[in-house]
C-alpha atoms as a PDB file:
ATOM      1  CA  MET A   1      -6.189  -5.471 -17.357  1.00  0.00           C
ATOM      2  CA  PRO A   2      -3.151  -2.889 -16.141  1.00  0.00           C
ATOM      3  CA  THR A   3      -1.933   0.055 -18.257  1.00  0.00           C
ATOM      4  CA  LEU A   4       1.628  -0.145 -18.833  1.00  0.00           C
ATOM      5  CA  ARG A   5       3.656   2.445 -19.037  1.00  0.00           C
ATOM      6  CA  ARG A   6       7.245   0.893 -20.639  1.00  0.00           C
ATOM      7  CA  GLN A   7      10.060   2.324 -22.052  1.00  0.00           C
ATOM      8  CA  GLY A   8      13.137   1.327 -24.665  1.00  0.00           C
ATOM      9  CA  ASN A   9      12.019  -1.445 -27.640  1.00  0.00           C
ATOM     10  CA  SER A  10      12.534  -4.769 -25.656  1.00  0.00           C
ATOM     11  CA  SER A  11       9.285  -6.390 -24.548  1.00  0.00           C
ATOM     12  CA  PRO A  12       9.069  -6.936 -20.510  1.00  0.00           C
ATOM     13  CA  ARG A  13       7.476 -10.316 -20.906  1.00  0.00           C
ATOM     14  CA  GLU A  14      10.316 -12.108 -23.122  1.00  0.00           C
ATOM     15  CA  SER A  15      13.159 -10.516 -21.493  1.00  0.00           C
ATOM     16  CA  LEU A  16      11.857 -12.087 -17.919  1.00  0.00           C
ATOM     17  CA  ARG A  17      10.656 -14.686 -19.161  1.00  0.00           C
ATOM     18  CA  LYS A  18      14.740 -16.026 -19.647  1.00  0.00           C
ATOM     19  CA  VAL A  19      15.868 -15.609 -16.484  1.00  0.00           C
ATOM     20  CA  PRO A  20      13.428 -15.481 -12.947  1.00  0.00           C
ATOM     21  CA  PRO A  21      13.266 -11.935 -12.123  1.00  0.00           C
ATOM     22  CA  THR A  22      14.745 -10.683  -8.444  1.00  0.00           C
ATOM     23  CA  VAL A  23      11.442  -9.259  -7.580  1.00  0.00           C
ATOM     24  CA  ILE A  24      12.414  -6.584  -4.038  1.00  0.00           C
ATOM     25  CA  LEU A  25       9.659  -4.691  -1.794  1.00  0.00           C
ATOM     26  CA  ALA A  26      10.984  -0.948  -1.063  1.00  0.00           C
ATOM     27  CA  SER A  27       9.601  -1.096   2.587  1.00  0.00           C
ATOM     28  CA  ALA A  28      10.185  -2.711   5.626  1.00  0.00           C
ATOM     29  CA  SER A  29       6.053  -3.183   6.248  1.00  0.00           C
ATOM     30  CA  PRO A  30       5.441  -7.137   7.074  1.00  0.00           C
ATOM     31  CA  TYR A  31       2.373  -7.236   5.917  1.00  0.00           C
ATOM     32  CA  ARG A  32       3.079  -6.241   2.261  1.00  0.00           C
ATOM     33  CA  LEU A  33       5.940  -8.962   2.773  1.00  0.00           C
ATOM     34  CA  ALA A  34       2.988 -11.713   3.644  1.00  0.00           C
ATOM     35  CA  GLN A  35       0.576 -10.286   0.815  1.00  0.00           C
ATOM     36  CA  LEU A  36       3.381 -11.112  -1.497  1.00  0.00           C
ATOM     37  CA  ARG A  37       4.679 -14.624  -0.576  1.00  0.00           C
ATOM     38  CA  GLN A  38       0.616 -14.917  -0.358  1.00  0.00           C
ATOM     39  CA  ILE A  39       0.725 -15.122  -3.891  1.00  0.00           C
ATOM     40  CA  GLY A  40       3.605 -16.630  -4.407  1.00  0.00           C
ATOM     41  CA  VAL A  41       6.136 -14.246  -4.815  1.00  0.00           C
ATOM     42  CA  ASN A  42       9.141 -15.160  -3.608  1.00  0.00           C
ATOM     43  CA  THR A  43      10.437 -11.769  -2.439  1.00  0.00           C
ATOM     44  CA  GLN A  44      12.734  -9.847  -0.215  1.00  0.00           C
ATOM     45  CA  SER A  45      12.503  -7.061   1.747  1.00  0.00           C
ATOM     46  CA  VAL A  46      14.989  -3.330   1.229  1.00  0.00           C
ATOM     47  CA  PRO A  47      13.214  -0.744   3.154  1.00  0.00           C
ATOM     48  CA  ALA A  48      13.363   2.632   0.797  1.00  0.00           C
ATOM     49  CA  GLY A  49      15.083   5.072   3.492  1.00  0.00           C
ATOM     50  CA  ILE A  50      13.167   7.941   1.818  1.00  0.00           C
ATOM     51  CA  ASP A  51      12.811  11.062   4.426  1.00  0.00           C
ATOM     52  CA  GLU A  52       8.462  11.185   3.742  1.00  0.00           C
ATOM     53  CA  SER A  53       7.820  14.518   5.470  1.00  0.00           C
ATOM     54  CA  LEU A  54      10.309  15.956   1.838  1.00  0.00           C
ATOM     55  CA  TRP A  55       6.377  15.432  -0.108  1.00  0.00           C
ATOM     56  CA  LYS A  56       3.840  15.507   3.270  1.00  0.00           C
ATOM     57  CA  SER A  57       4.873  18.879   3.088  1.00  0.00           C
ATOM     58  CA  GLY A  58       3.479  19.919  -0.690  1.00  0.00           C
ATOM     59  CA  GLY A  59      -0.016  20.157   0.633  1.00  0.00           C
ATOM     60  CA  LEU A  60      -0.312  17.366  -2.752  1.00  0.00           C
ATOM     61  CA  PRO A  61      -3.534  15.623  -2.675  1.00  0.00           C
ATOM     62  CA  VAL A  62      -4.034  12.491  -1.145  1.00  0.00           C
ATOM     63  CA  ARG A  63      -3.688  10.573  -4.249  1.00  0.00           C
ATOM     64  CA  LYS A  64      -1.205  12.009  -5.365  1.00  0.00           C
ATOM     65  CA  LEU A  65       0.703  12.013  -2.643  1.00  0.00           C
ATOM     66  CA  ALA A  66       0.355   9.001  -2.218  1.00  0.00           C
ATOM     67  CA  MET A  67       1.638   7.487  -5.545  1.00  0.00           C
ATOM     68  CA  GLU A  68       4.185  10.055  -5.653  1.00  0.00           C
ATOM     69  CA  LEU A  69       5.157   8.326  -2.170  1.00  0.00           C
ATOM     70  CA  ALA A  70       5.284   5.183  -3.944  1.00  0.00           C
ATOM     71  CA  ARG A  71       7.115   5.940  -6.717  1.00  0.00           C
ATOM     72  CA  ALA A  72      10.022   7.706  -4.656  1.00  0.00           C
ATOM     73  CA  LYS A  73      10.155   4.040  -2.657  1.00  0.00           C
ATOM     74  CA  ALA A  74      10.897   1.964  -5.682  1.00  0.00           C
ATOM     75  CA  LYS A  75      13.198   4.580  -7.173  1.00  0.00           C
ATOM     76  CA  ALA A  76      15.651   4.593  -4.018  1.00  0.00           C
ATOM     77  CA  VAL A  77      15.145   0.978  -4.102  1.00  0.00           C
ATOM     78  CA  PHE A  78      15.942   0.500  -7.724  1.00  0.00           C
ATOM     79  CA  VAL A  79      18.709   2.385  -8.417  1.00  0.00           C
ATOM     80  CA  ARG A  80      20.944   0.347  -6.528  1.00  0.00           C
ATOM     81  CA  HIS A  81      18.685  -3.141  -8.148  1.00  0.00           C
ATOM     82  CA  ALA A  82      18.354  -2.006 -11.718  1.00  0.00           C
ATOM     83  CA  ASP A  83      18.048  -5.393 -12.988  1.00  0.00           C
ATOM     84  CA  ALA A  84      15.605  -6.331 -10.875  1.00  0.00           C
ATOM     85  CA  ILE A  85      11.226  -5.943 -10.367  1.00  0.00           C
ATOM     86  CA  VAL A  86      11.355  -3.610  -6.966  1.00  0.00           C
ATOM     87  CA  ILE A  87       7.623  -3.287  -5.693  1.00  0.00           C
ATOM     88  CA  GLY A  88       7.147   0.151  -3.782  1.00  0.00           C
ATOM     89  CA  ALA A  89       4.033   1.607  -2.067  1.00  0.00           C
ATOM     90  CA  ASP A  90       2.108   2.884   0.288  1.00  0.00           C
ATOM     91  CA  GLN A  91      -0.966   4.222   2.002  1.00  0.00           C
ATOM     92  CA  ILE A  92      -2.972   7.302   3.341  1.00  0.00           C
ATOM     93  CA  ALA A  93      -6.086   6.900   5.322  1.00  0.00           C
ATOM     94  CA  SER A  94      -7.688  10.689   4.972  1.00  0.00           C
ATOM     95  CA  LEU A  95     -10.921  12.182   5.885  1.00  0.00           C
ATOM     96  CA  ASP A  96     -12.945  14.869   3.914  1.00  0.00           C
ATOM     97  CA  GLY A  97      -9.623  15.429   1.996  1.00  0.00           C
ATOM     98  CA  GLU A  98      -7.019  15.839   5.245  1.00  0.00           C
ATOM     99  CA  PRO A  99      -4.766  12.923   4.877  1.00  0.00           C
ATOM    100  CA  PHE A 100      -3.655  11.521   8.866  1.00  0.00           C
ATOM    101  CA  ASP A 101      -0.079   9.542   9.926  1.00  0.00           C
ATOM    102  CA  LYS A 102       0.174   6.520  10.988  1.00  0.00           C
ATOM    103  CA  PRO A 103      -1.007   6.995  14.701  1.00  0.00           C
ATOM    104  CA  GLY A 104       2.268   5.180  16.653  1.00  0.00           C
ATOM    105  CA  GLY A 105       0.535   5.295  19.686  1.00  0.00           C
ATOM    106  CA  PHE A 106      -2.397   4.734  22.126  1.00  0.00           C
ATOM    107  CA  GLU A 107      -3.097   8.767  22.050  1.00  0.00           C
ATOM    108  CA  GLU A 108      -3.267   9.371  18.801  1.00  0.00           C
ATOM    109  CA  ALA A 109      -4.672   6.304  17.441  1.00  0.00           C
ATOM    110  CA  ARG A 110      -8.007   7.164  20.108  1.00  0.00           C
ATOM    111  CA  ARG A 111      -8.059  10.972  18.778  1.00  0.00           C
ATOM    112  CA  GLN A 112      -8.172  10.003  15.072  1.00  0.00           C
ATOM    113  CA  LEU A 113     -10.249   7.066  15.892  1.00  0.00           C
ATOM    114  CA  SER A 114     -13.051   9.157  17.626  1.00  0.00           C
ATOM    115  CA  ARG A 115     -12.806  11.271  14.483  1.00  0.00           C
ATOM    116  CA  LEU A 116     -12.944   8.226  11.876  1.00  0.00           C
ATOM    117  CA  SER A 117     -15.950   7.226  14.177  1.00  0.00           C
ATOM    118  CA  GLY A 118     -19.069   7.230  12.772  1.00  0.00           C
ATOM    119  CA  ARG A 119     -17.920   8.461   9.333  1.00  0.00           C
ATOM    120  CA  THR A 120     -16.720   7.536   6.153  1.00  0.00           C
ATOM    121  CA  HIS A 121     -13.324   7.986   5.340  1.00  0.00           C
ATOM    122  CA  VAL A 122     -10.950   7.124   2.053  1.00  0.00           C
ATOM    123  CA  LEU A 123      -8.005   4.518   1.955  1.00  0.00           C
ATOM    124  CA  SER A 124      -5.251   5.019  -0.727  1.00  0.00           C
ATOM    125  CA  THR A 125      -2.915   2.965  -1.311  1.00  0.00           C
ATOM    126  CA  ALA A 126      -0.537   3.569  -4.579  1.00  0.00           C
ATOM    127  CA  VAL A 127       2.392   1.103  -5.911  1.00  0.00           C
ATOM    128  CA  THR A 128       4.925   1.468  -8.385  1.00  0.00           C
ATOM    129  CA  ILE A 129       6.880  -1.262 -10.329  1.00  0.00           C
ATOM    130  CA  MET A 130       9.829   0.039 -11.849  1.00  0.00           C
ATOM    131  CA  HIS A 131      11.229  -3.302 -13.957  1.00  0.00           C
ATOM    132  CA  PRO A 132      14.016  -3.040 -17.000  1.00  0.00           C
ATOM    133  CA  GLU A 133      11.825  -1.798 -19.098  1.00  0.00           C
ATOM    134  CA  GLY A 134       9.400   0.873 -17.306  1.00  0.00           C
ATOM    135  CA  ARG A 135       7.165   1.674 -14.860  1.00  0.00           C
ATOM    136  CA  VAL A 136       3.686   0.188 -13.667  1.00  0.00           C
ATOM    137  CA  GLU A 137       1.461   2.247 -11.148  1.00  0.00           C
ATOM    138  CA  ARG A 138      -2.101   2.408 -10.363  1.00  0.00           C
ATOM    139  CA  VAL A 139      -3.766   3.685  -7.104  1.00  0.00           C
ATOM    140  CA  GLU A 140      -6.163   2.118  -5.490  1.00  0.00           C
ATOM    141  CA  SER A 141      -9.208   3.855  -3.822  1.00  0.00           C
ATOM    142  CA  VAL A 142     -11.327   2.063  -1.081  1.00  0.00           C
ATOM    143  CA  ARG A 143     -14.279   4.349   0.865  1.00  0.00           C
ATOM    144  CA  MET A 144     -14.399   2.602   4.805  1.00  0.00           C
ATOM    145  CA  SER A 145     -17.637   3.519   6.044  1.00  0.00           C
ATOM    146  CA  MET A 146     -16.581   3.196  10.149  1.00  0.00           C
ATOM    147  CA  ARG A 147     -20.023   2.474  12.396  1.00  0.00           C
ATOM    148  CA  PRO A 148     -20.316   4.684  15.338  1.00  0.00           C
ATOM    149  CA  LEU A 149     -17.759   3.847  18.359  1.00  0.00           C
ATOM    150  CA  THR A 150     -17.945   4.233  21.251  1.00  0.00           C
ATOM    151  CA  ASP A 151     -14.950   5.651  23.833  1.00  0.00           C
ATOM    152  CA  ASP A 152     -15.140   1.843  25.545  1.00  0.00           C
ATOM    153  CA  GLU A 153     -14.903   0.361  22.301  1.00  0.00           C
ATOM    154  CA  ILE A 154     -12.223   2.339  21.224  1.00  0.00           C
ATOM    155  CA  ASP A 155     -10.012   2.144  23.921  1.00  0.00           C
ATOM    156  CA  ALA A 156     -10.587  -1.715  24.415  1.00  0.00           C
ATOM    157  CA  TYR A 157     -10.161  -2.400  20.294  1.00  0.00           C
ATOM    158  CA  LEU A 158      -6.597  -0.382  21.126  1.00  0.00           C
ATOM    159  CA  ARG A 159      -5.619  -2.427  23.259  1.00  0.00           C
ATOM    160  CA  ALA A 160      -6.715  -5.505  21.731  1.00  0.00           C
ATOM    161  CA  ASP A 161      -4.624  -4.970  18.197  1.00  0.00           C
ATOM    162  CA  GLU A 162      -2.312  -2.047  19.117  1.00  0.00           C
ATOM    163  CA  PRO A 163      -2.823  -0.615  15.295  1.00  0.00           C
ATOM    164  CA  TYR A 164      -0.289   2.199  15.525  1.00  0.00           C
ATOM    165  CA  ASP A 165       1.480   2.071  13.080  1.00  0.00           C
ATOM    166  CA  CYS A 166      -1.266   1.121  10.262  1.00  0.00           C
ATOM    167  CA  ALA A 167      -2.772   3.603   8.201  1.00  0.00           C
ATOM    168  CA  GLY A 168      -6.558   4.465   9.453  1.00  0.00           C
ATOM    169  CA  CYS A 169      -5.819   3.224  12.980  1.00  0.00           C
ATOM    170  CA  TYR A 170      -7.207  -0.394  12.329  1.00  0.00           C
ATOM    171  CA  ARG A 171      -5.426  -4.277  11.509  1.00  0.00           C
ATOM    172  CA  TRP A 172      -7.661  -4.822   8.643  1.00  0.00           C
ATOM    173  CA  GLU A 173      -6.233  -8.595   8.715  1.00  0.00           C
ATOM    174  CA  SER A 174      -6.709  -9.508  12.778  1.00  0.00           C
ATOM    175  CA  LYS A 175      -9.658  -7.577  14.485  1.00  0.00           C
ATOM    176  CA  GLY A 176     -10.486  -4.489  12.374  1.00  0.00           C
ATOM    177  CA  PRO A 177     -13.044  -5.035  10.452  1.00  0.00           C
ATOM    178  CA  LEU A 178     -15.817  -5.167  13.712  1.00  0.00           C
ATOM    179  CA  LEU A 179     -15.067  -0.990  13.411  1.00  0.00           C
ATOM    180  CA  PHE A 180     -17.107  -0.939   9.807  1.00  0.00           C
ATOM    181  CA  SER A 181     -20.627  -1.340   8.915  1.00  0.00           C
ATOM    182  CA  ALA A 182     -19.371  -1.345   5.187  1.00  0.00           C
ATOM    183  CA  VAL A 183     -16.790  -0.974   2.961  1.00  0.00           C
ATOM    184  CA  ARG A 184     -16.673   0.037  -1.131  1.00  0.00           C
ATOM    185  CA  THR A 185     -13.903  -1.163  -3.032  1.00  0.00           C
ATOM    186  CA  SER A 186     -13.158  -3.245  -6.293  1.00  0.00           C
ATOM    187  CA  ASP A 187     -10.218  -4.945  -4.945  1.00  0.00           C
ATOM    188  CA  PRO A 188     -10.311  -5.836  -0.727  1.00  0.00           C
ATOM    189  CA  THR A 189      -6.669  -6.611  -0.534  1.00  0.00           C
ATOM    190  CA  ALA A 190      -5.825  -3.619  -1.171  1.00  0.00           C
ATOM    191  CA  ILE A 191      -6.564  -2.759   3.280  1.00  0.00           C
ATOM    192  CA  ILE A 192      -4.127  -4.144   3.885  1.00  0.00           C
ATOM    193  CA  GLY A 193      -1.383  -2.578   1.680  1.00  0.00           C
ATOM    194  CA  LEU A 194      -0.403  -3.834  -1.476  1.00  0.00           C
ATOM    195  CA  PRO A 195      -4.050  -4.330  -4.155  1.00  0.00           C
ATOM    196  CA  LEU A 196      -3.164  -8.292  -5.299  1.00  0.00           C
ATOM    197  CA  LEU A 197      -5.618  -8.275  -7.632  1.00  0.00           C
ATOM    198  CA  TRP A 198      -4.149  -5.561 -10.110  1.00  0.00           C
ATOM    199  CA  LEU A 199      -0.847  -6.447  -8.839  1.00  0.00           C
ATOM    200  CA  SER A 200      -0.984  -9.860  -9.471  1.00  0.00           C
ATOM    201  CA  SER A 201      -2.063  -9.374 -13.384  1.00  0.00           C
ATOM    202  CA  ALA A 202       0.911  -6.221 -13.200  1.00  0.00           C
ATOM    203  CA  LEU A 203       2.991  -9.172 -12.416  1.00  0.00           C
ATOM    204  CA  ARG A 204       1.419 -11.805 -14.923  1.00  0.00           C
ATOM    205  CA  SER A 205       1.972  -9.422 -17.559  1.00  0.00           C
ATOM    206  CA  LEU A 206       5.469  -8.975 -17.205  1.00  0.00           C
ATOM    207  CA  GLY A 207       6.465 -12.854 -17.899  1.00  0.00           C
ATOM    208  CA  MET A 208       6.848 -13.487 -13.776  1.00  0.00           C
ATOM    209  CA  ARG A 209       4.859 -16.833 -13.508  1.00  0.00           C
ATOM    210  CA  LEU A 210       1.782 -17.152 -10.597  1.00  0.00           C
ATOM    211  CA  PRO A 211      -0.545 -19.344  -8.875  1.00  0.00           C
END
């Protein structure tokens, strides 16, 4: 069960049971939106619109950086929708503690995959749930062991999946698993963008009914 940090005296379970809450994803990510709908959460997407460079320039450790960004996104939307459940999330791939930005294009993706080839990197997925009674948070770390890749394999993969908007330069829900030899995690759904095992438990604890 997740640990809840709550503010105020009322019970989220009691208050949310009276009126089905509006759930808002503080992101434009189609992958996270699809994950929420996968578990039966009827949600809308509202991009947070924060300047991530303000946090990324601070030299924070990767897990803390991911958490701060997830929290900032949730807060930015929650101030406009204070009666809703707002889910903010961020995901960062890192190698030896060095964070990688999303590649954005073919050449940068090729460079990143060349560095990750044959190595084990960490994918840190952070989630903040803000609701009228408080906040719930989690960072899920996944150790991703990539098999050694040739230049031709990298190029072929990038042309097939075009994962230029994905942390780590791979699209897990498509051909991304073909790049790996092992994955170590308690929640493999976190690789896509949201740790659904934890998230579904947290939402149930807030009184939401899920399948």
